[in-house]
Amino acid sequence: MTIDGTSVALIGAGLTAGLSAVGSAWGVGLAGKATSAVLSEKPNLFGQMLVLQALPGTQGFYGFIAMFLALGRINAATSISIAQALQLMGALLPVMFGTLISAYWQGVASAGAAQMVAKQPESFGRAVIIPALVETYAILSLLATIILLGGVTL
C-alpha cells in the first residue's frame, strides 16, 4: 500500500477536527467541574455558569470550520502530491494547536471566572471577559489557517 497526497491531506483535515474537539472537551470539562461546584450551592446561577462552561466549546467549531474548508480544497483537486498535502497540513497547524491549547486555558479561565461569580454574582459581566480574552487567540488561529489555506495550491 502506498500513501498518496490525498491520504496525507485527509489526515491533516481529520487531525484539525480531532484536536480542536479534544481541546474543547478538555476545557468544557475543566469549566464544568468548577461550575457544578458553584451550582451545588447556588443553583440560581445556572444561566451564568452555563455560559462560562460553554465558552471553551467554541474551539471545536473553529476546528470543524477549518476541516470543512480543507475538505473543500481536497475534493476540488484532481490529484494532490505529498508536497501539496504537506502545505495543506502546514496551513492547518495554527488552528490545530491554537484551538487545542486555547480551549484548555479557556476552561481554566472559565473555572476562575465561575469562582468569581460565586462570590460576587453581580460581577458576571466582568468575569466573562476573562475567558473571552483567551477566545481571541482561538479566533486568530482560525484566521491564520484561513489565510494560509489561500496560499496552498492544489
C-alpha atoms as a PDB file:
ATOM      1  CA  MET A   1       0.000   0.000   0.000  1.00  0.00           C
ATOM      2  CA  THR A   2       1.292   3.433  -0.871  1.00  0.00           C
ATOM      3  CA  ILE A   3       0.394   6.664   0.807  1.00  0.00           C
ATOM      4  CA  ASP A   4      -0.672   9.371  -1.605  1.00  0.00           C
ATOM      5  CA  GLY A   5      -1.115  13.105  -1.138  1.00  0.00           C
ATOM      6  CA  THR A   6      -4.865  12.875  -0.722  1.00  0.00           C
ATOM      7  CA  SER A   7      -4.420  10.496   2.213  1.00  0.00           C
ATOM      8  CA  VAL A   8      -1.957  12.844   3.901  1.00  0.00           C
ATOM      9  CA  ALA A   9      -4.260  15.823   3.299  1.00  0.00           C
ATOM     10  CA  LEU A  10      -7.215  13.939   4.792  1.00  0.00           C
ATOM     11  CA  ILE A  11      -5.128  13.050   7.844  1.00  0.00           C
ATOM     12  CA  GLY A  12      -4.443  16.767   8.291  1.00  0.00           C
ATOM     13  CA  ALA A  13      -8.131  17.623   7.992  1.00  0.00           C
ATOM     14  CA  GLY A  14      -9.035  14.879  10.462  1.00  0.00           C
ATOM     15  CA  LEU A  15      -6.403  15.975  12.962  1.00  0.00           C
ATOM     16  CA  THR A  16      -7.733  19.512  12.744  1.00  0.00           C
ATOM     17  CA  ALA A  17     -11.244  18.478  13.749  1.00  0.00           C
ATOM     18  CA  GLY A  18      -9.978  15.938  16.281  1.00  0.00           C
ATOM     19  CA  LEU A  19      -7.505  18.138  18.138  1.00  0.00           C
ATOM     20  CA  SER A  20      -9.929  21.033  18.379  1.00  0.00           C
ATOM     21  CA  ALA A  21     -12.604  18.674  19.722  1.00  0.00           C
ATOM     22  CA  VAL A  22     -10.162  17.277  22.293  1.00  0.00           C
ATOM     23  CA  GLY A  23      -9.297  20.799  23.419  1.00  0.00           C
ATOM     24  CA  SER A  24     -12.943  21.776  23.695  1.00  0.00           C
ATOM     25  CA  ALA A  25     -13.856  18.649  25.631  1.00  0.00           C
ATOM     26  CA  TRP A  26     -10.947  19.265  27.977  1.00  0.00           C
ATOM     27  CA  GLY A  27     -11.814  22.928  28.511  1.00  0.00           C
ATOM     28  CA  VAL A  28     -15.548  22.347  28.911  1.00  0.00           C
ATOM     29  CA  GLY A  29     -14.772  19.575  31.395  1.00  0.00           C
ATOM     30  CA  LEU A  30     -12.471  21.793  33.448  1.00  0.00           C
ATOM     31  CA  ALA A  31     -15.030  24.576  33.492  1.00  0.00           C
ATOM     32  CA  GLY A  32     -17.801  22.083  34.264  1.00  0.00           C
ATOM     33  CA  LYS A  33     -16.005  20.861  37.348  1.00  0.00           C
ATOM     34  CA  ALA A  34     -15.914  24.403  38.716  1.00  0.00           C
ATOM     35  CA  THR A  35     -19.399  25.413  37.602  1.00  0.00           C
ATOM     36  CA  SER A  36     -21.022  22.303  39.047  1.00  0.00           C
ATOM     37  CA  ALA A  37     -19.388  23.038  42.397  1.00  0.00           C
ATOM     38  CA  VAL A  38     -20.861  26.545  42.295  1.00  0.00           C
ATOM     39  CA  LEU A  39     -24.288  25.238  41.269  1.00  0.00           C
ATOM     40  CA  SER A  40     -24.362  22.754  44.143  1.00  0.00           C
ATOM     41  CA  GLU A  41     -24.557  25.728  46.496  1.00  0.00           C
ATOM     42  CA  LYS A  42     -26.093  28.409  44.262  1.00  0.00           C
ATOM     43  CA  PRO A  43     -28.442  26.820  41.709  1.00  0.00           C
ATOM     44  CA  ASN A  44     -29.852  30.250  40.854  1.00  0.00           C
ATOM     45  CA  LEU A  45     -26.592  30.987  38.967  1.00  0.00           C
ATOM     46  CA  PHE A  46     -27.310  28.303  36.359  1.00  0.00           C
ATOM     47  CA  GLY A  47     -27.515  30.697  33.397  1.00  0.00           C
ATOM     48  CA  GLN A  48     -24.194  32.355  34.150  1.00  0.00           C
ATOM     49  CA  MET A  49     -22.484  29.043  34.873  1.00  0.00           C
ATOM     50  CA  LEU A  50     -23.767  27.572  31.616  1.00  0.00           C
ATOM     51  CA  VAL A  51     -22.216  30.430  29.635  1.00  0.00           C
ATOM     52  CA  LEU A  52     -18.882  30.016  31.420  1.00  0.00           C
ATOM     53  CA  GLN A  53     -18.864  26.269  30.871  1.00  0.00           C
ATOM     54  CA  ALA A  54     -19.830  26.523  27.199  1.00  0.00           C
ATOM     55  CA  LEU A  55     -17.181  29.064  26.195  1.00  0.00           C
ATOM     56  CA  PRO A  56     -14.333  26.552  25.631  1.00  0.00           C
ATOM     57  CA  GLY A  57     -16.605  24.602  23.290  1.00  0.00           C
ATOM     58  CA  THR A  58     -16.294  27.165  20.519  1.00  0.00           C
ATOM     59  CA  GLN A  59     -12.829  25.930  19.577  1.00  0.00           C
ATOM     60  CA  GLY A  60     -14.352  22.663  18.422  1.00  0.00           C
ATOM     61  CA  PHE A  61     -16.443  24.632  15.944  1.00  0.00           C
ATOM     62  CA  TYR A  62     -13.380  26.505  14.679  1.00  0.00           C
ATOM     63  CA  GLY A  63     -11.626  23.209  14.008  1.00  0.00           C
ATOM     64  CA  PHE A  64     -14.696  21.907  12.208  1.00  0.00           C
ATOM     65  CA  ILE A  65     -14.829  25.047  10.041  1.00  0.00           C
ATOM     66  CA  ALA A  66     -11.147  24.637   9.135  1.00  0.00           C
ATOM     67  CA  MET A  67     -11.647  20.939   8.381  1.00  0.00           C
ATOM     68  CA  PHE A  68     -14.618  21.774   6.164  1.00  0.00           C
ATOM     69  CA  LEU A  69     -12.589  24.409   4.271  1.00  0.00           C
ATOM     70  CA  ALA A  70      -9.732  21.927   3.812  1.00  0.00           C
ATOM     71  CA  LEU A  71     -12.109  19.219   2.579  1.00  0.00           C
ATOM     72  CA  GLY A  72     -13.483  21.654   0.026  1.00  0.00           C
ATOM     73  CA  ARG A  73      -9.976  22.175  -1.313  1.00  0.00           C
ATOM     74  CA  ILE A  74      -9.179  18.439  -1.225  1.00  0.00           C
ATOM     75  CA  ASN A  75     -12.380  17.435  -3.007  1.00  0.00           C
ATOM     76  CA  ALA A  76     -11.891  20.084  -5.711  1.00  0.00           C
ATOM     77  CA  ALA A  77      -8.373  18.847  -6.551  1.00  0.00           C
ATOM     78  CA  THR A  78      -7.869  16.301  -9.306  1.00  0.00           C
ATOM     79  CA  SER A  79      -4.719  14.979  -7.659  1.00  0.00           C
ATOM     80  CA  ILE A  80      -2.657  16.001  -4.651  1.00  0.00           C
ATOM     81  CA  SER A  81       1.070  15.435  -4.319  1.00  0.00           C
ATOM     82  CA  ILE A  82       2.705  14.723  -0.971  1.00  0.00           C
ATOM     83  CA  ALA A  83       4.293  18.197  -1.101  1.00  0.00           C
ATOM     84  CA  GLN A  84       0.891  19.825  -1.636  1.00  0.00           C
ATOM     85  CA  ALA A  85      -0.608  17.756   1.170  1.00  0.00           C
ATOM     86  CA  LEU A  86       2.167  18.893   3.499  1.00  0.00           C
ATOM     87  CA  GLN A  87       1.437  22.504   2.522  1.00  0.00           C
ATOM     88  CA  LEU A  88      -2.201  21.919   3.408  1.00  0.00           C
ATOM     89  CA  MET A  89      -1.233  20.357   6.731  1.00  0.00           C
ATOM     90  CA  GLY A  90       1.056  23.312   7.417  1.00  0.00           C
ATOM     91  CA  ALA A  91      -1.830  25.688   6.780  1.00  0.00           C
ATOM     92  CA  LEU A  92      -3.956  23.740   9.265  1.00  0.00           C
ATOM     93  CA  LEU A  93      -1.350  23.787  12.051  1.00  0.00           C
ATOM     94  CA  PRO A  94      -2.385  27.148  13.561  1.00  0.00           C
ATOM     95  CA  VAL A  95      -5.958  26.029  14.157  1.00  0.00           C
ATOM     96  CA  MET A  96      -4.922  22.506  15.178  1.00  0.00           C
ATOM     97  CA  PHE A  97      -2.751  23.680  18.025  1.00  0.00           C
ATOM     98  CA  GLY A  98      -4.297  27.098  18.634  1.00  0.00           C
ATOM     99  CA  THR A  99      -7.683  25.584  19.408  1.00  0.00           C
ATOM    100  CA  LEU A 100      -6.318  22.629  21.369  1.00  0.00           C
ATOM    101  CA  ILE A 101      -4.311  24.835  23.704  1.00  0.00           C
ATOM    102  CA  SER A 102      -6.657  27.820  23.927  1.00  0.00           C
ATOM    103  CA  ALA A 103      -9.649  25.611  24.763  1.00  0.00           C
ATOM    104  CA  TYR A 104      -7.765  24.139  27.714  1.00  0.00           C
ATOM    105  CA  TRP A 105      -6.722  27.547  29.021  1.00  0.00           C
ATOM    106  CA  GLN A 106     -10.156  28.978  28.380  1.00  0.00           C
ATOM    107  CA  GLY A 107     -11.532  26.204  30.574  1.00  0.00           C
ATOM    108  CA  VAL A 108      -9.090  27.188  33.302  1.00  0.00           C
ATOM    109  CA  ALA A 109     -10.062  30.854  32.928  1.00  0.00           C
ATOM    110  CA  SER A 110     -13.766  29.950  32.960  1.00  0.00           C
ATOM    111  CA  ALA A 111     -13.267  27.965  36.163  1.00  0.00           C
ATOM    112  CA  GLY A 112     -11.690  31.014  37.785  1.00  0.00           C
ATOM    113  CA  ALA A 113     -14.478  33.231  36.492  1.00  0.00           C
ATOM    114  CA  ALA A 114     -17.045  30.822  37.965  1.00  0.00           C
ATOM    115  CA  GLN A 115     -15.446  31.206  41.384  1.00  0.00           C
ATOM    116  CA  MET A 116     -15.562  34.979  40.967  1.00  0.00           C
ATOM    117  CA  VAL A 117     -19.285  34.919  40.117  1.00  0.00           C
ATOM    118  CA  ALA A 118     -19.989  32.531  43.007  1.00  0.00           C
ATOM    119  CA  LYS A 119     -18.618  35.109  45.430  1.00  0.00           C
ATOM    120  CA  GLN A 120     -19.989  38.171  43.614  1.00  0.00           C
ATOM    121  CA  PRO A 121     -22.905  37.292  41.294  1.00  0.00           C
ATOM    122  CA  GLU A 122     -23.085  40.893  40.084  1.00  0.00           C
ATOM    123  CA  SER A 123     -19.561  40.537  38.630  1.00  0.00           C
ATOM    124  CA  PHE A 124     -20.637  38.208  35.791  1.00  0.00           C
ATOM    125  CA  GLY A 125     -20.116  40.843  33.093  1.00  0.00           C
ATOM    126  CA  ARG A 126     -16.532  41.396  34.193  1.00  0.00           C
ATOM    127  CA  ALA A 127     -15.915  37.712  34.872  1.00  0.00           C
ATOM    128  CA  VAL A 128     -16.946  36.542  31.399  1.00  0.00           C
ATOM    129  CA  ILE A 129     -14.346  38.863  29.846  1.00  0.00           C
ATOM    130  CA  ILE A 130     -11.547  36.794  31.399  1.00  0.00           C
ATOM    131  CA  PRO A 131     -12.185  33.595  29.378  1.00  0.00           C
ATOM    132  CA  ALA A 132     -13.322  35.678  26.395  1.00  0.00           C
ATOM    133  CA  LEU A 133      -9.802  37.104  26.139  1.00  0.00           C
ATOM    134  CA  VAL A 134      -8.469  33.588  25.585  1.00  0.00           C
ATOM    135  CA  GLU A 135     -11.016  33.202  22.758  1.00  0.00           C
ATOM    136  CA  THR A 136      -9.158  35.919  20.855  1.00  0.00           C
ATOM    137  CA  TYR A 137      -6.276  33.556  20.203  1.00  0.00           C
ATOM    138  CA  ALA A 138      -8.525  30.750  19.018  1.00  0.00           C
ATOM    139  CA  ILE A 139     -10.072  33.174  16.522  1.00  0.00           C
ATOM    140  CA  LEU A 140      -6.624  34.357  15.422  1.00  0.00           C
ATOM    141  CA  SER A 141      -5.535  30.756  14.864  1.00  0.00           C
ATOM    142  CA  LEU A 142      -8.599  30.148  12.675  1.00  0.00           C
ATOM    143  CA  LEU A 143      -7.928  33.346  10.715  1.00  0.00           C
ATOM    144  CA  ALA A 144      -4.281  32.351  10.240  1.00  0.00           C
ATOM    145  CA  THR A 145      -5.372  28.975   8.886  1.00  0.00           C
ATOM    146  CA  ILE A 146      -7.880  30.570   6.510  1.00  0.00           C
ATOM    147  CA  ILE A 147      -5.219  32.964   5.198  1.00  0.00           C
ATOM    148  CA  LEU A 148      -2.656  30.170   4.837  1.00  0.00           C
ATOM    149  CA  LEU A 149      -5.162  27.916   3.055  1.00  0.00           C
ATOM    150  CA  GLY A 150      -5.490  30.669   0.464  1.00  0.00           C
ATOM    151  CA  GLY A 151      -1.807  30.224  -0.339  1.00  0.00           C
ATOM    152  CA  VAL A 152      -1.989  26.457  -0.832  1.00  0.00           C
ATOM    153  CA  THR A 153      -2.209  25.428  -4.476  1.00  0.00           C
ATOM    154  CA  LEU A 154      -3.835  22.045  -5.040  1.00  0.00           C
END
